[in-house]
Amino acid sequence: MTPGLAASYVVDCPTGLAGDMLLASCLDLGVSPEVIHAPLRALGFENGYALRVEEAHNGGLRGLRLEVESREEHPLHRHWGELRQRILTAALSPFLHDKVLSVFTALAEAEAAVHGIAADHVHFHEVGAMDSLVDVVGVCAAIEHLNPTSLWCVPPPAGRGGVATAHGLLPVPAPAVLELARCHGVELRWGGDWPEAELTTPTGLALMAVLADGFGWPEKLAPEAVGTGLGHRELDRPNLLRLIRQHPQVSGATNQPRWQDLIIQEAWIDDVSAEAMAWLIQQLRDSGALDVACSPLQMKKGRPGTAVTALVLPEQAADLRRIWWRDSPTLGLRERRQGRWVLPRRRGVLSTPWGELAAKQMLKPDGTQSVKPERDALQQLAHRAGLSPETLWQKLSQERLQFNPEQEWTC
């Protein structure tokens, strides 16, 4: 499958989140198996597994069921240091290097925390097995291929009861699942009438903690295609996971506004200098925030503070979080999902008697167009003309200036 127009994706996991179900849903959505095999060859695992994919039914509903058959004569309990070195030296794309390493790092740190050992000493019993390696590398490769504009995961169910592992019978949710949820701020659905079983696995949760832009329910659902991955366990309900591709937003010269999903990041800060605050704001803007705003407020103990609010795209949220942690003293960061309607616009230049003026042209729903100059460019031109920016723009607005577009309409 070759992805078409940019689209967002939603992972719906009503009966749990597992690596094999995620990978099966990607294949059911049309991702070619070769997308999965290629990076596994680069890692040197081409002779270590066979991928079995079949169309099947669970609870009366169809989907793909996936099974990884290990061809290793002596299954290994791989050491994290060995696996990390293999990932670092493999000929993978930058995306796969980053994401595969991040997933296994998250798993290693979670296992280390619950067992009270250093992460480098973790031996991957379940995770190091060939089926989990294929799940992690395969899902990361499939997501790279799909290239979503955003990826959201519905909060997964925790499950209940116990699960058999290399360490014996462990409670559900498994300790590593709880640690992953704690570290990555994931809310697991809990209680109610969930089946007595392990529903969310460490591998499945680590994949979404790294790959998804967030956990929650989308404000709207406009499915264009659905890939269904089936679980192996028979439950009292269909055991499946669905990867939903939303209808893409069509670009081009349409005069209709487009809905844009956004994330609002905000922190209240009362213990930095004005210079440090200015640095934080500039770093957020330089790192991709659509806008950053500040407002004064009175905080506890009567201290004056500042509310810093950044408007970011979902796919930028993780990178921007790193800026907050690095360049501000805040101990917490609020995030909430919002959205906005945006008009089609394009950049270009206006030809004036004093030279070209960078500007932006907007297309309104009634078909009319308006032009707004870039402020920095207007100030430079005003200085050249010996006028104030406001006076210059007033004079230019009275003339029929030619707008020369430099890009297609975008939202």
Protein backbone atom coordinates (compact mmCIF):
# COMPACT_ATOMS: atom_id res chain seq x y z
CA MET A 1 0.00 0.00 0.00
CA THR A 2 1.25 3.48 -0.81
CA PRO A 3 -0.15 6.12 1.54
CA GLY A 4 -2.21 8.77 -0.19
CA LEU A 5 -3.10 12.13 1.28
CA ALA A 6 -1.88 12.82 4.79
CA ALA A 7 -4.21 11.29 7.34
CA SER A 8 -4.50 10.84 11.07
CA TYR A 9 -4.90 7.43 12.73
CA VAL A 10 -6.63 6.15 15.85
CA VAL A 11 -5.83 2.91 17.70
CA ASP A 12 -9.02 1.52 19.23
CA CYS A 13 -8.22 -1.26 21.70
CA PRO A 14 -11.49 -2.35 23.37
CA THR A 15 -10.05 -5.64 24.66
CA GLY A 16 -6.43 -4.72 25.06
CA LEU A 17 -3.18 -3.59 23.53
CA ALA A 18 -0.62 -6.12 22.32
CA GLY A 19 2.20 -6.01 19.80
CA ASP A 20 0.89 -8.83 17.60
CA MET A 21 -2.57 -7.25 17.40
CA LEU A 22 -1.06 -3.87 16.46
CA LEU A 23 1.06 -5.45 13.74
CA ALA A 24 -1.87 -7.48 12.39
CA SER A 25 -4.03 -4.33 12.20
CA CYS A 26 -1.32 -2.58 10.16
CA LEU A 27 -1.18 -5.49 7.73
CA ASP A 28 -4.98 -5.57 7.49
CA LEU A 29 -4.90 -1.88 6.59
CA GLY A 30 -2.71 -2.72 3.61
CA VAL A 31 0.89 -2.40 4.78
CA SER A 32 3.04 -4.81 2.77
CA PRO A 33 4.83 -7.57 4.72
CA GLU A 34 8.05 -6.47 3.00
CA VAL A 35 7.86 -3.21 4.97
CA ILE A 36 8.26 -5.38 8.09
CA HIS A 37 10.81 -7.86 6.74
CA ALA A 38 13.27 -5.23 5.42
CA PRO A 39 14.36 -3.73 8.78
CA LEU A 40 14.45 -7.18 10.38
CA ARG A 41 16.90 -8.24 7.67
CA ALA A 42 18.98 -5.14 8.45
CA LEU A 43 19.07 -6.28 12.09
CA GLY A 44 20.25 -9.75 11.08
CA PHE A 45 17.07 -11.59 12.07
CA GLU A 46 15.97 -12.73 8.60
CA ASN A 47 16.57 -16.42 9.39
CA GLY A 48 15.21 -16.29 12.91
CA TYR A 49 11.48 -16.19 12.30
CA ALA A 50 8.55 -16.94 10.01
CA LEU A 51 5.52 -14.67 9.88
CA ARG A 52 2.16 -16.47 9.82
CA VAL A 53 -0.79 -14.25 8.92
CA GLU A 54 -4.30 -15.57 8.39
CA GLU A 55 -7.76 -14.11 8.02
CA ALA A 56 -9.83 -15.39 10.91
CA HIS A 57 -12.85 -14.63 13.08
CA ASN A 58 -13.19 -13.86 16.76
CA GLY A 59 -16.56 -13.31 18.36
CA GLY A 60 -18.14 -13.39 14.91
CA LEU A 61 -15.98 -10.54 13.54
CA ARG A 62 -13.26 -10.87 10.89
CA GLY A 63 -9.71 -9.63 11.03
CA LEU A 64 -6.13 -10.76 10.63
CA ARG A 65 -4.46 -12.96 13.21
CA LEU A 66 -0.68 -12.93 13.32
CA GLU A 67 1.75 -15.43 14.75
CA VAL A 68 5.53 -15.27 14.75
CA GLU A 69 7.19 -18.67 14.55
CA SER A 70 10.71 -18.65 15.97
CA ARG A 71 13.31 -20.51 13.90
CA GLU A 72 16.07 -20.09 16.46
CA GLU A 73 17.38 -23.49 17.50
CA HIS A 74 18.03 -22.26 21.03
CA PRO A 75 15.77 -19.31 21.97
CA LEU A 76 17.88 -16.59 23.56
CA HIS A 77 17.31 -14.47 26.64
CA ARG A 78 18.88 -11.44 25.04
CA HIS A 79 20.73 -8.93 27.16
CA TRP A 80 19.62 -5.32 26.70
CA GLY A 81 23.17 -4.13 26.01
CA GLU A 82 23.57 -6.65 23.19
CA LEU A 83 20.23 -5.77 21.64
CA ARG A 84 20.90 -2.03 21.90
CA GLN A 85 24.24 -2.39 20.13
CA ARG A 86 22.63 -4.36 17.32
CA ILE A 87 20.00 -1.64 16.85
CA LEU A 88 22.59 1.16 16.91
CA THR A 89 24.79 -0.46 14.25
CA ALA A 90 22.01 -1.63 11.91
CA ALA A 91 21.34 0.12 8.60
CA LEU A 92 17.96 1.53 9.61
CA SER A 93 16.27 4.81 8.76
CA PRO A 94 16.65 7.62 11.34
CA PHE A 95 12.98 7.17 12.29
CA LEU A 96 13.41 3.44 12.92
CA HIS A 97 16.67 3.92 14.80
CA ASP A 98 14.96 6.39 17.11
CA LYS A 99 11.64 4.62 17.62
CA VAL A 100 12.86 1.02 17.92
CA LEU A 101 15.55 2.10 20.37
CA SER A 102 13.02 4.18 22.33
CA VAL A 103 10.56 1.28 22.64
CA PHE A 104 13.19 -1.13 23.91
CA THR A 105 14.63 1.52 26.22
CA ALA A 106 11.18 2.07 27.72
CA LEU A 107 10.79 -1.68 28.22
CA ALA A 108 14.26 -2.08 29.72
CA GLU A 109 13.77 0.80 32.15
CA ALA A 110 10.36 -0.51 33.22
CA GLU A 111 11.71 -4.03 33.80
CA ALA A 112 14.73 -2.62 35.66
CA ALA A 113 12.51 -0.55 37.94
CA VAL A 114 10.19 -3.39 38.94
CA HIS A 115 13.06 -5.86 39.50
CA GLY A 116 15.34 -3.37 41.24
CA ILE A 117 18.31 -3.73 38.89
CA ALA A 118 20.19 -1.52 36.45
CA ALA A 119 18.66 -1.25 32.98
CA ASP A 120 21.86 -2.56 31.36
CA HIS A 121 21.50 -5.76 33.39
CA VAL A 122 17.99 -6.51 32.12
CA HIS A 123 17.63 -9.79 30.26
CA PHE A 124 14.61 -9.70 27.97
CA HIS A 125 12.81 -12.95 28.66
CA GLU A 126 9.51 -12.30 26.91
CA VAL A 127 10.63 -9.10 25.18
CA GLY A 128 13.84 -10.58 23.85
CA ALA A 129 12.01 -13.50 22.31
CA MET A 130 11.75 -13.43 18.55
CA ASP A 131 8.00 -12.77 18.43
CA SER A 132 8.36 -9.57 20.47
CA LEU A 133 11.31 -8.40 18.38
CA VAL A 134 9.24 -8.82 15.23
CA ASP A 135 6.29 -7.02 16.84
CA VAL A 136 8.36 -4.00 17.91
CA VAL A 137 10.38 -3.59 14.71
CA GLY A 138 7.38 -4.42 12.51
CA VAL A 139 4.98 -1.96 14.12
CA CYS A 140 7.56 0.85 14.06
CA ALA A 141 8.27 0.15 10.37
CA ALA A 142 4.55 0.05 9.54
CA ILE A 143 3.91 3.38 11.25
CA GLU A 144 6.85 4.93 9.42
CA HIS A 145 5.33 3.65 6.16
CA LEU A 146 1.86 5.01 6.96
CA ASN A 147 3.40 8.36 7.95
CA PRO A 148 0.40 9.61 9.96
CA THR A 149 -0.15 13.31 10.57
CA SER A 150 -1.16 12.24 14.08
CA LEU A 151 -1.63 8.96 15.93
CA TRP A 152 -3.89 8.68 18.97
CA CYS A 153 -4.55 5.64 21.12
CA VAL A 154 -7.74 5.07 23.09
CA PRO A 155 -6.84 4.42 26.77
CA PRO A 156 -6.23 0.66 26.97
CA PRO A 157 -7.88 -1.64 29.54
CA ALA A 158 -5.67 -2.92 32.35
CA GLY A 159 -7.28 -6.36 32.69
CA ARG A 160 -7.33 -8.33 35.93
CA GLY A 161 -6.27 -11.66 37.40
CA GLY A 162 -2.79 -13.12 36.80
CA VAL A 163 -0.39 -13.85 33.96
CA ALA A 164 2.28 -16.56 33.63
CA THR A 165 5.75 -15.14 32.89
CA ALA A 166 9.39 -16.20 33.11
CA HIS A 167 9.27 -14.86 36.68
CA GLY A 168 6.25 -16.96 37.60
CA LEU A 169 2.61 -15.94 38.03
CA LEU A 170 2.37 -12.14 38.18
CA PRO A 171 -0.66 -9.97 38.97
CA VAL A 172 -2.50 -8.16 36.19
CA PRO A 173 -1.79 -5.48 35.20
CA ALA A 174 1.75 -6.80 35.05
CA PRO A 175 4.29 -4.77 37.06
CA ALA A 176 6.05 -3.61 33.88
CA VAL A 177 2.73 -2.38 32.47
CA LEU A 178 2.06 -0.33 35.60
CA GLU A 179 5.58 1.12 35.48
CA LEU A 180 5.22 2.05 31.80
CA ALA A 181 1.86 3.68 32.51
CA ARG A 182 3.37 5.62 35.41
CA CYS A 183 6.42 6.82 33.50
CA HIS A 184 4.50 7.86 30.38
CA GLY A 185 1.39 9.27 32.05
CA VAL A 186 -0.99 6.69 30.56
CA GLU A 187 -4.39 6.20 32.18
CA LEU A 188 -5.41 2.54 32.02
CA ARG A 189 -9.10 1.70 32.06
CA TRP A 190 -9.78 -0.19 35.28
CA GLY A 191 -12.61 -1.99 37.03
CA GLY A 192 -15.97 -2.74 35.48
CA ASP A 193 -16.63 -6.05 33.78
CA TRP A 194 -13.30 -6.56 32.03
CA PRO A 195 -12.37 -10.21 31.35
CA GLU A 196 -10.02 -11.85 33.83
CA ALA A 197 -6.91 -11.85 31.66
CA GLU A 198 -3.85 -9.83 30.71
CA LEU A 199 -5.33 -7.37 28.22
CA THR A 200 -2.52 -4.85 27.83
CA THR A 201 1.02 -6.20 27.45
CA PRO A 202 4.28 -4.35 28.15
CA THR A 203 5.25 -4.52 24.48
CA GLY A 204 1.92 -3.12 23.28
CA LEU A 205 1.93 -0.29 25.80
CA ALA A 206 5.58 0.60 25.14
CA LEU A 207 4.88 0.82 21.40
CA MET A 208 2.02 3.25 21.87
CA ALA A 209 3.83 5.23 24.57
CA VAL A 210 6.58 5.93 22.03
CA LEU A 211 4.66 6.12 18.74
CA ALA A 212 1.35 7.74 19.70
CA ASP A 213 0.93 11.49 20.09
CA GLY A 214 -1.28 10.85 23.09
CA PHE A 215 -3.90 8.66 24.73
CA GLY A 216 -7.55 9.68 24.54
CA TRP A 217 -10.70 9.60 22.46
CA PRO A 218 -10.76 11.70 19.28
CA GLU A 219 -13.30 14.48 19.26
CA LYS A 220 -14.54 13.25 15.90
CA LEU A 221 -14.32 9.96 14.03
CA ALA A 222 -14.43 10.00 10.24
CA PRO A 223 -13.13 6.54 9.27
CA GLU A 224 -11.80 6.08 5.77
CA ALA A 225 -10.37 2.59 6.36
CA VAL A 226 -10.10 0.16 9.27
CA GLY A 227 -7.48 -2.52 9.89
CA THR A 228 -8.46 -5.20 12.42
CA GLY A 229 -5.97 -7.30 14.35
CA LEU A 230 -7.32 -10.31 16.27
CA GLY A 231 -6.05 -11.61 19.59
CA HIS A 232 -5.36 -15.29 20.26
CA ARG A 233 -7.36 -15.57 23.47
CA GLU A 234 -11.08 -16.36 23.40
CA LEU A 235 -12.96 -13.89 25.61
CA ASP A 236 -16.61 -13.24 26.34
CA ARG A 237 -16.54 -10.61 23.56
CA PRO A 238 -14.69 -10.09 20.26
CA ASN A 239 -10.98 -9.88 21.05
CA LEU A 240 -9.65 -7.34 18.58
CA LEU A 241 -7.77 -4.11 17.99
CA ARG A 242 -8.68 -1.63 15.25
CA LEU A 243 -6.37 0.80 13.49
CA ILE A 244 -8.61 3.49 12.02
CA ARG A 245 -7.45 5.80 9.25
CA GLN A 246 -9.39 9.04 9.29
CA HIS A 247 -10.52 10.74 6.09
CA PRO A 248 -7.60 12.92 4.91
CA GLN A 249 -7.92 16.66 4.69
CA VAL A 250 -7.79 17.56 1.01
CA SER A 251 -5.47 20.41 0.20
CA GLY A 252 -5.78 22.73 -2.76
CA ALA A 253 -7.69 25.85 -3.70
CA THR A 254 -10.77 25.15 -1.63
CA ASN A 255 -12.41 28.09 0.06
CA GLN A 256 -13.68 26.02 2.98
CA PRO A 257 -11.95 26.27 6.36
CA ARG A 258 -10.35 23.11 7.70
CA TRP A 259 -10.48 21.72 11.22
CA GLN A 260 -7.02 21.35 12.76
CA ASP A 261 -6.30 19.25 15.86
CA LEU A 262 -4.08 21.01 18.37
CA ILE A 263 -2.57 20.51 21.80
CA ILE A 264 -2.36 23.32 24.34
CA GLN A 265 0.70 23.07 26.60
CA GLU A 266 0.79 25.33 29.65
CA ALA A 267 2.85 25.90 32.78
CA TRP A 268 2.63 28.48 35.57
CA ILE A 269 6.08 29.75 36.49
CA ASP A 270 7.11 32.07 39.33
CA ASP A 271 10.81 31.46 39.88
CA VAL A 272 12.73 32.61 36.78
CA SER A 273 14.12 35.92 35.58
CA ALA A 274 12.66 37.87 32.68
CA GLU A 275 15.69 36.87 30.59
CA ALA A 276 15.14 33.17 31.31
CA MET A 277 11.45 33.52 30.45
CA ALA A 278 12.29 35.18 27.13
CA TRP A 279 14.71 32.33 26.36
CA LEU A 280 12.06 29.68 27.06
CA ILE A 281 9.52 31.42 24.84
CA GLN A 282 12.01 31.76 21.99
CA GLN A 283 13.07 28.10 22.28
CA LEU A 284 9.44 26.95 22.14
CA ARG A 285 8.83 29.04 19.02
CA ASP A 286 12.05 27.94 17.34
CA SER A 287 11.18 24.29 18.06
CA GLY A 288 7.88 24.44 16.21
CA ALA A 289 5.21 25.90 18.50
CA LEU A 290 2.57 27.62 16.38
CA ASP A 291 2.38 30.39 18.96
CA VAL A 292 3.38 31.13 22.54
CA ALA A 293 1.53 33.53 24.83
CA CYS A 294 2.16 34.79 28.37
CA SER A 295 -0.15 36.32 30.94
CA PRO A 296 0.53 37.50 34.50
CA LEU A 297 -1.09 35.78 37.46
CA GLN A 298 -0.83 35.65 41.22
CA MET A 299 0.34 32.31 42.56
CA LYS A 300 0.54 30.76 46.01
CA LYS A 301 1.96 32.82 48.89
CA GLY A 302 1.12 35.95 46.93
CA ARG A 303 4.00 35.52 44.49
CA PRO A 304 3.63 37.06 41.01
CA GLY A 305 3.95 34.50 38.27
CA THR A 306 3.48 33.98 34.55
CA ALA A 307 1.23 31.57 32.69
CA VAL A 308 3.12 30.40 29.59
CA THR A 309 0.87 28.79 26.97
CA ALA A 310 2.08 27.11 23.78
CA LEU A 311 -0.08 26.11 20.82
CA VAL A 312 1.37 22.98 19.17
CA LEU A 313 0.47 20.34 16.60
CA PRO A 314 -0.04 16.83 18.03
CA GLU A 315 3.00 15.43 16.23
CA GLN A 316 5.18 18.15 17.79
CA ALA A 317 3.99 17.70 21.37
CA ALA A 318 6.70 15.26 22.47
CA ASP A 319 9.53 17.43 21.11
CA LEU A 320 8.10 20.53 22.76
CA ARG A 321 7.84 18.72 26.12
CA ARG A 322 11.58 18.22 26.04
CA ILE A 323 12.02 22.00 25.67
CA TRP A 324 9.85 22.62 28.75
CA TRP A 325 11.84 20.16 30.84
CA ARG A 326 15.18 21.45 29.59
CA ASP A 327 14.63 25.22 29.64
CA SER A 328 12.15 25.85 32.45
CA PRO A 329 12.02 24.99 36.17
CA THR A 330 8.41 23.80 35.99
CA LEU A 331 7.66 20.54 37.78
CA GLY A 332 4.52 19.90 35.72
CA LEU A 333 3.11 20.62 32.30
CA ARG A 334 -0.60 20.80 31.54
CA GLU A 335 -1.84 19.50 28.21
CA ARG A 336 -5.30 19.55 26.72
CA ARG A 337 -6.59 18.75 23.28
CA GLN A 338 -8.31 21.51 21.36
CA GLY A 339 -8.77 22.46 17.77
CA ARG A 340 -9.40 25.37 15.48
CA TRP A 341 -10.89 26.17 12.11
CA VAL A 342 -8.25 27.56 9.75
CA LEU A 343 -8.66 29.31 6.42
CA PRO A 344 -6.64 28.35 3.33
CA ARG A 345 -3.63 30.60 2.98
CA ARG A 346 -0.47 30.95 0.91
CA ARG A 347 2.69 32.99 1.12
CA GLY A 348 3.89 35.37 -1.57
CA VAL A 349 5.06 38.91 -2.26
CA LEU A 350 3.43 42.21 -3.17
CA SER A 351 5.13 44.43 -5.75
CA THR A 352 5.33 48.00 -4.38
CA PRO A 353 7.09 51.20 -5.54
CA TRP A 354 9.69 50.62 -2.77
CA GLY A 355 10.32 46.95 -3.58
CA GLU A 356 8.78 43.59 -2.83
CA LEU A 357 6.82 43.05 0.39
CA ALA A 358 6.41 39.56 1.86
CA ALA A 359 2.76 38.87 2.59
CA LYS A 360 0.17 36.20 3.22
CA GLN A 361 -3.05 35.76 1.22
CA MET A 362 -6.17 34.26 2.82
CA LEU A 363 -9.12 32.63 1.03
CA LYS A 364 -12.48 33.11 2.76
CA PRO A 365 -15.55 30.82 2.56
CA ASP A 366 -17.42 33.30 0.35
CA GLY A 367 -14.60 33.17 -2.19
CA THR A 368 -13.12 36.58 -1.42
CA GLN A 369 -9.43 37.00 -0.73
CA SER A 370 -7.51 39.23 1.63
CA VAL A 371 -3.82 40.01 2.00
CA LYS A 372 -1.84 40.74 5.16
CA PRO A 373 1.81 41.83 5.12
CA GLU A 374 4.47 40.12 7.19
CA ARG A 375 5.20 42.57 10.00
CA ASP A 376 9.00 42.38 9.85
CA ALA A 377 8.98 42.90 6.09
CA LEU A 378 6.56 45.83 6.42
CA GLN A 379 8.79 47.53 8.99
CA GLN A 380 11.85 47.18 6.76
CA LEU A 381 9.96 48.60 3.78
CA ALA A 382 8.56 51.45 5.89
CA HIS A 383 12.07 52.39 7.00
CA ARG A 384 13.14 52.47 3.35
CA ALA A 385 10.13 54.64 2.44
CA GLY A 386 10.57 56.98 5.40
CA LEU A 387 7.06 56.26 6.70
CA SER A 388 5.55 54.50 9.69
CA PRO A 389 4.44 50.92 9.01
CA GLU A 390 0.79 51.85 9.54
CA THR A 391 0.96 54.84 7.17
CA LEU A 392 2.74 52.80 4.51
CA TRP A 393 0.23 49.96 4.65
CA GLN A 394 -2.66 52.42 4.51
CA LYS A 395 -1.21 53.90 1.31
CA LEU A 396 -0.53 50.47 -0.20
CA SER A 397 -4.03 49.25 0.65
CA GLN A 398 -5.50 51.95 -1.57
CA GLU A 399 -3.60 50.66 -4.60
CA ARG A 400 -4.30 47.58 -6.70
CA LEU A 401 -1.11 45.71 -5.88
CA GLN A 402 -0.26 42.44 -7.61
CA PHE A 403 0.11 39.47 -5.23
CA ASN A 404 2.62 36.93 -6.54
CA PRO A 405 2.11 33.57 -4.78
CA GLU A 406 5.17 31.49 -3.89
CA GLN A 407 3.30 28.36 -2.76
CA GLU A 408 0.02 26.49 -3.21
CA TRP A 409 -2.94 27.01 -0.91
CA THR A 410 -2.47 25.33 2.44
CA CYS A 411 -4.35 25.23 5.72
